Amino acid sequence: MSRTEQEQANLDFVLAMFEQVLNPMDSSAVERFIGKDYIQHNQMAEPGREGLKAFLDMIKAQTPEAVHDVRRAFVDGDHVTVHYHVRRWPGDMGWAVMDIFRLEDGMIAEHWDVMQDVVEGGPNPLGPF
């Protein structure tokens, strides 16, 4: 399966946002990636770009050692999906997370996500990654 030039640019843009915003939880970098009319569907964050900044600041204060390890990413037109492992502190089993981003005019315009706890010893020997 091949990607268009625009799809590759969209994928690269979202992965750069992970490196510059989500991994360091740097709210000051949000405006380089998130459009001014950003639509947020995460139920734990307030709407809009300012809501995302406040959410990142809160998470960074609560879990400054958190990491976001991207395991796979997919692109389909203006949508990019990222599957990754969040660990909030050393030794934490963390969460398996999938984010869906919609891009518009070269910026992230909309975001959805789903999360599940990573557990040991469940009935399925396959992990979420």
Protein backbone atom coordinates (compact mmCIF):
# COMPACT_ATOMS: atom_id res chain seq x y z
CA MET A 1 0.00 0.00 0.00
CA SER A 2 1.45 3.34 -0.98
CA ARG A 3 0.84 6.73 0.51
CA THR A 4 0.26 9.95 -1.30
CA GLU A 5 2.71 12.78 -0.73
CA GLN A 6 0.07 14.55 1.38
CA GLU A 7 -0.61 11.45 3.47
CA GLN A 8 3.11 11.08 4.21
CA ALA A 9 3.26 14.76 5.19
CA ASN A 10 0.24 14.27 7.50
CA LEU A 11 1.83 11.20 9.14
CA ASP A 12 5.18 12.97 9.58
CA PHE A 13 3.42 16.01 11.07
CA VAL A 14 1.53 13.98 13.67
CA LEU A 15 4.64 11.99 14.64
CA ALA A 16 6.58 15.27 15.00
CA MET A 17 3.78 16.50 17.30
CA PHE A 18 4.29 13.39 19.46
CA GLU A 19 8.01 14.14 19.70
CA GLN A 20 7.66 17.85 20.39
CA VAL A 21 4.38 18.10 22.34
CA LEU A 22 3.17 14.79 23.82
CA ASN A 23 6.45 13.14 24.81
CA PRO A 24 7.78 16.21 26.65
CA MET A 25 4.21 17.33 27.54
CA ASP A 26 5.20 20.77 26.28
CA SER A 27 2.14 22.99 26.19
CA SER A 28 4.22 25.85 24.75
CA ALA A 29 4.63 23.83 21.51
CA VAL A 30 0.89 23.21 21.00
CA GLU A 31 0.30 26.14 18.65
CA ARG A 32 2.86 24.81 16.14
CA PHE A 33 0.70 21.70 15.59
CA ILE A 34 -2.87 22.33 16.74
CA GLY A 35 -5.25 24.52 14.76
CA LYS A 36 -6.94 27.49 16.40
CA ASP A 37 -10.41 25.90 15.99
CA TYR A 38 -9.25 22.51 17.38
CA ILE A 39 -12.04 20.08 18.22
CA GLN A 40 -11.25 17.85 21.23
CA HIS A 41 -13.24 14.65 21.86
CA ASN A 42 -11.20 13.43 24.87
CA GLN A 43 -13.63 13.43 27.81
CA MET A 44 -10.88 14.31 30.30
CA ALA A 45 -9.77 17.54 28.60
CA GLU A 46 -11.62 20.79 28.18
CA PRO A 47 -12.47 21.81 24.61
CA GLY A 48 -10.14 23.67 22.30
CA ARG A 49 -6.46 24.44 22.05
CA GLU A 50 -6.33 26.18 25.44
CA GLY A 51 -8.02 23.16 27.02
CA LEU A 52 -5.30 20.92 25.56
CA LYS A 53 -2.57 23.18 26.95
CA ALA A 54 -4.13 23.08 30.42
CA PHE A 55 -4.52 19.29 30.19
CA LEU A 56 -0.85 18.83 29.22
CA ASP A 57 0.27 21.10 32.08
CA MET A 58 -1.84 19.12 34.57
CA ILE A 59 -0.51 15.75 33.32
CA LYS A 60 3.09 16.99 33.36
CA ALA A 61 2.67 18.18 36.96
CA GLN A 62 1.13 14.86 38.05
CA THR A 63 3.38 12.48 36.08
CA PRO A 64 6.57 14.27 34.94
CA GLU A 65 8.28 10.97 34.06
CA ALA A 66 5.53 9.76 31.69
CA VAL A 67 6.55 8.32 28.31
CA HIS A 68 4.57 7.74 25.14
CA ASP A 69 6.08 4.92 23.05
CA VAL A 70 4.56 4.89 19.56
CA ARG A 71 4.14 1.30 18.38
CA ARG A 72 2.44 1.91 15.03
CA ALA A 73 0.84 4.69 13.02
CA PHE A 74 -1.51 4.69 10.04
CA VAL A 75 -2.66 7.37 7.65
CA ASP A 76 -5.73 7.53 5.45
CA GLY A 77 -6.18 10.85 3.69
CA ASP A 78 -6.51 13.58 6.30
CA HIS A 79 -6.75 11.13 9.23
CA VAL A 80 -3.77 9.74 11.16
CA THR A 81 -4.15 6.97 13.76
CA VAL A 82 -1.42 6.33 16.33
CA HIS A 83 -1.28 3.26 18.63
CA TYR A 84 1.07 3.77 21.56
CA HIS A 85 1.98 2.76 25.11
CA VAL A 86 1.76 5.34 27.89
CA ARG A 87 3.66 4.66 31.09
CA ARG A 88 3.13 7.29 33.75
CA TRP A 89 6.12 6.44 35.94
CA PRO A 90 8.89 3.81 36.05
CA GLY A 91 7.39 0.35 36.63
CA ASP A 92 3.88 1.41 35.57
CA MET A 93 2.13 -1.06 33.23
CA GLY A 94 0.36 1.95 31.79
CA TRP A 95 -2.24 2.26 29.08
CA ALA A 96 -2.62 1.15 25.50
CA VAL A 97 -3.87 4.21 23.63
CA MET A 98 -5.15 4.88 20.15
CA ASP A 99 -5.46 8.45 18.95
CA ILE A 100 -7.14 9.55 15.76
CA PHE A 101 -6.22 12.96 14.40
CA ARG A 102 -7.88 14.82 11.54
CA LEU A 103 -5.74 17.39 9.79
CA GLU A 104 -6.95 20.47 7.97
CA ASP A 105 -4.86 23.16 6.29
CA GLY A 106 -1.65 21.58 7.56
CA MET A 107 -2.66 21.52 11.24
CA ILE A 108 -4.35 19.07 13.60
CA ALA A 109 -8.00 20.08 13.58
CA GLU A 110 -9.71 17.29 15.53
CA HIS A 111 -8.80 14.49 17.95
CA TRP A 112 -10.42 11.32 19.30
CA ASP A 113 -8.85 8.71 21.59
CA VAL A 114 -9.48 5.43 23.35
CA MET A 115 -7.48 3.94 26.22
CA GLN A 116 -7.28 0.66 28.07
CA ASP A 117 -5.21 -0.47 31.02
CA VAL A 118 -2.29 -2.76 30.28
CA VAL A 119 -2.59 -5.76 32.63
CA GLU A 120 -0.57 -8.84 33.48
CA GLY A 121 -2.08 -12.29 33.71
CA GLY A 122 -5.31 -11.75 31.83
CA PRO A 123 -7.06 -14.56 29.95
CA ASN A 124 -5.50 -13.52 26.61
CA PRO A 125 -1.75 -14.24 26.36
CA LEU A 126 -1.40 -11.62 23.61
CA GLY A 127 -0.66 -8.14 24.81
CA PRO A 128 -2.20 -4.96 23.40
CA PHE A 129 0.89 -4.23 21.29
